[in-house]
Amino acid sequence: MATDPFEAWRQIAAAQEKQLSALFERAAGTDAFAESLGKALEAYLNATQVSRENVERFLAASNLPTRAEVARLAERVDELTTRIDELIAKLGKKKKKK
């Protein structure tokens, strides 16, 4: 007789999971939950904004570039590289004509 010693535990866990799931589904459907979730999201977004501003102030005080400044610099480098490649191509065409 091969019985699983954990079967009773699995049944209890499954029953508890089912009950908790039903409880959370009922709670999530209330206006109070939606309002609380909205307030939590707003608090998170405010904290994120404050954190971002503090990091930018720190970087400016440390004379370090921000992510946005590095991204703008990378775009300019790409533009300049493209323009240089175009000039090289034009010079190559002029040399071939001579």
C-alpha atoms as a PDB file:
ATOM      1  CA  MET A   1       0.000   0.000   0.000  1.00  0.00           C
ATOM      2  CA  ALA A   2       1.760   3.127  -1.276  1.00  0.00           C
ATOM      3  CA  THR A   3       0.109   6.154   0.318  1.00  0.00           C
ATOM      4  CA  ASP A   4       1.366   9.675  -0.064  1.00  0.00           C
ATOM      5  CA  PRO A   5       2.186  11.095   3.373  1.00  0.00           C
ATOM      6  CA  PHE A   6       1.723  14.632   2.054  1.00  0.00           C
ATOM      7  CA  GLU A   7      -1.721  14.134   0.507  1.00  0.00           C
ATOM      8  CA  ALA A   8      -3.570  15.423   3.589  1.00  0.00           C
ATOM      9  CA  TRP A   9      -1.348  18.501   3.636  1.00  0.00           C
ATOM     10  CA  ARG A  10      -1.998  19.126  -0.076  1.00  0.00           C
ATOM     11  CA  GLN A  11      -5.762  18.896   0.462  1.00  0.00           C
ATOM     12  CA  ILE A  12      -5.633  21.353   3.364  1.00  0.00           C
ATOM     13  CA  ALA A  13      -3.443  23.748   1.376  1.00  0.00           C
ATOM     14  CA  ALA A  14      -5.762  23.543  -1.649  1.00  0.00           C
ATOM     15  CA  ALA A  15      -8.822  24.233   0.521  1.00  0.00           C
ATOM     16  CA  GLN A  16      -7.131  27.232   2.162  1.00  0.00           C
ATOM     17  CA  GLU A  17      -6.008  28.551  -1.194  1.00  0.00           C
ATOM     18  CA  LYS A  18      -9.568  28.309  -2.509  1.00  0.00           C
ATOM     19  CA  GLN A  19     -10.957  30.188   0.518  1.00  0.00           C
ATOM     20  CA  LEU A  20      -8.311  32.908   0.389  1.00  0.00           C
ATOM     21  CA  SER A  21      -8.779  33.320  -3.340  1.00  0.00           C
ATOM     22  CA  ALA A  22     -12.523  33.836  -2.884  1.00  0.00           C
ATOM     23  CA  LEU A  23     -11.895  36.312  -0.066  1.00  0.00           C
ATOM     24  CA  PHE A  24      -9.425  38.353  -2.133  1.00  0.00           C
ATOM     25  CA  GLU A  25     -11.733  38.323  -5.156  1.00  0.00           C
ATOM     26  CA  ARG A  26     -14.562  39.769  -3.041  1.00  0.00           C
ATOM     27  CA  ALA A  27     -12.254  42.362  -1.467  1.00  0.00           C
ATOM     28  CA  ALA A  28     -10.766  43.399  -4.817  1.00  0.00           C
ATOM     29  CA  GLY A  29     -14.225  44.104  -6.197  1.00  0.00           C
ATOM     30  CA  THR A  30     -15.052  46.819  -3.658  1.00  0.00           C
ATOM     31  CA  ASP A  31     -14.829  50.580  -4.131  1.00  0.00           C
ATOM     32  CA  ALA A  32     -12.705  50.854  -0.994  1.00  0.00           C
ATOM     33  CA  PHE A  33     -10.103  48.519  -2.502  1.00  0.00           C
ATOM     34  CA  ALA A  34     -10.040  50.472  -5.760  1.00  0.00           C
ATOM     35  CA  GLU A  35      -9.662  53.734  -3.850  1.00  0.00           C
ATOM     36  CA  SER A  36      -6.864  52.306  -1.694  1.00  0.00           C
ATOM     37  CA  LEU A  37      -5.102  50.952  -4.747  1.00  0.00           C
ATOM     38  CA  GLY A  38      -5.385  54.343  -6.445  1.00  0.00           C
ATOM     39  CA  LYS A  39      -3.931  56.105  -3.396  1.00  0.00           C
ATOM     40  CA  ALA A  40      -1.085  53.592  -3.200  1.00  0.00           C
ATOM     41  CA  LEU A  41      -0.290  54.117  -6.879  1.00  0.00           C
ATOM     42  CA  GLU A  42      -0.360  57.889  -6.441  1.00  0.00           C
ATOM     43  CA  ALA A  43       1.976  57.664  -3.434  1.00  0.00           C
ATOM     44  CA  TYR A  44       4.343  55.413  -5.393  1.00  0.00           C
ATOM     45  CA  LEU A  45       4.405  57.802  -8.353  1.00  0.00           C
ATOM     46  CA  ASN A  46       5.040  60.785  -6.075  1.00  0.00           C
ATOM     47  CA  ALA A  47       7.872  58.955  -4.303  1.00  0.00           C
ATOM     48  CA  THR A  48       9.366  57.978  -7.661  1.00  0.00           C
ATOM     49  CA  GLN A  49       9.242  61.580  -8.866  1.00  0.00           C
ATOM     50  CA  VAL A  50      10.877  62.885  -5.687  1.00  0.00           C
ATOM     51  CA  SER A  51      13.559  60.222  -5.948  1.00  0.00           C
ATOM     52  CA  ARG A  52      14.235  61.095  -9.598  1.00  0.00           C
ATOM     53  CA  GLU A  53      14.520  64.784  -8.745  1.00  0.00           C
ATOM     54  CA  ASN A  54      16.906  64.037  -5.859  1.00  0.00           C
ATOM     55  CA  VAL A  55      19.131  61.914  -8.099  1.00  0.00           C
ATOM     56  CA  GLU A  56      19.200  64.653 -10.733  1.00  0.00           C
ATOM     57  CA  ARG A  57      20.159  67.245  -8.086  1.00  0.00           C
ATOM     58  CA  PHE A  58      22.894  64.940  -6.795  1.00  0.00           C
ATOM     59  CA  LEU A  59      24.263  64.374 -10.294  1.00  0.00           C
ATOM     60  CA  ALA A  60      24.216  68.097 -11.029  1.00  0.00           C
ATOM     61  CA  ALA A  61      25.997  68.862  -7.734  1.00  0.00           C
ATOM     62  CA  SER A  62      28.562  66.152  -8.527  1.00  0.00           C
ATOM     63  CA  ASN A  63      29.033  67.527 -12.045  1.00  0.00           C
ATOM     64  CA  LEU A  64      27.865  64.225 -13.566  1.00  0.00           C
ATOM     65  CA  PRO A  65      25.525  63.846 -16.545  1.00  0.00           C
ATOM     66  CA  THR A  66      21.961  62.594 -16.177  1.00  0.00           C
ATOM     67  CA  ARG A  67      20.589  59.693 -18.203  1.00  0.00           C
ATOM     68  CA  ALA A  68      18.736  62.146 -20.445  1.00  0.00           C
ATOM     69  CA  GLU A  69      21.930  64.118 -21.092  1.00  0.00           C
ATOM     70  CA  VAL A  70      23.855  60.961 -21.989  1.00  0.00           C
ATOM     71  CA  ALA A  71      21.016  59.886 -24.305  1.00  0.00           C
ATOM     72  CA  ARG A  72      21.043  63.285 -26.055  1.00  0.00           C
ATOM     73  CA  LEU A  73      24.808  63.051 -26.442  1.00  0.00           C
ATOM     74  CA  ALA A  74      24.506  59.564 -27.942  1.00  0.00           C
ATOM     75  CA  GLU A  75      21.934  60.852 -30.440  1.00  0.00           C
ATOM     76  CA  ARG A  76      24.245  63.700 -31.448  1.00  0.00           C
ATOM     77  CA  VAL A  77      27.169  61.293 -31.880  1.00  0.00           C
ATOM     78  CA  ASP A  78      24.987  59.077 -34.094  1.00  0.00           C
ATOM     79  CA  GLU A  79      23.942  62.092 -36.184  1.00  0.00           C
ATOM     80  CA  LEU A  80      27.544  63.233 -36.562  1.00  0.00           C
ATOM     81  CA  THR A  81      28.665  59.726 -37.503  1.00  0.00           C
ATOM     82  CA  THR A  82      25.996  59.590 -40.198  1.00  0.00           C
ATOM     83  CA  ARG A  83      27.036  62.990 -41.546  1.00  0.00           C
ATOM     84  CA  ILE A  84      30.718  61.981 -41.587  1.00  0.00           C
ATOM     85  CA  ASP A  85      29.855  58.770 -43.442  1.00  0.00           C
ATOM     86  CA  GLU A  86      27.907  60.808 -46.004  1.00  0.00           C
ATOM     87  CA  LEU A  87      30.838  63.205 -46.472  1.00  0.00           C
ATOM     88  CA  ILE A  88      33.259  60.301 -46.898  1.00  0.00           C
ATOM     89  CA  ALA A  89      30.953  58.769 -49.499  1.00  0.00           C
ATOM     90  CA  LYS A  90      30.753  62.095 -51.389  1.00  0.00           C
ATOM     91  CA  LEU A  91      34.531  62.493 -51.312  1.00  0.00           C
ATOM     92  CA  GLY A  92      34.957  58.953 -52.588  1.00  0.00           C
ATOM     93  CA  LYS A  93      32.640  59.693 -55.533  1.00  0.00           C
ATOM     94  CA  LYS A  94      34.560  62.872 -56.392  1.00  0.00           C
ATOM     95  CA  LYS A  95      37.889  61.016 -56.348  1.00  0.00           C
ATOM     96  CA  LYS A  96      36.523  58.351 -58.699  1.00  0.00           C
ATOM     97  CA  LYS A  97      35.404  61.001 -61.167  1.00  0.00           C
ATOM     98  CA  LYS A  98      38.935  62.476 -61.428  1.00  0.00           C
END
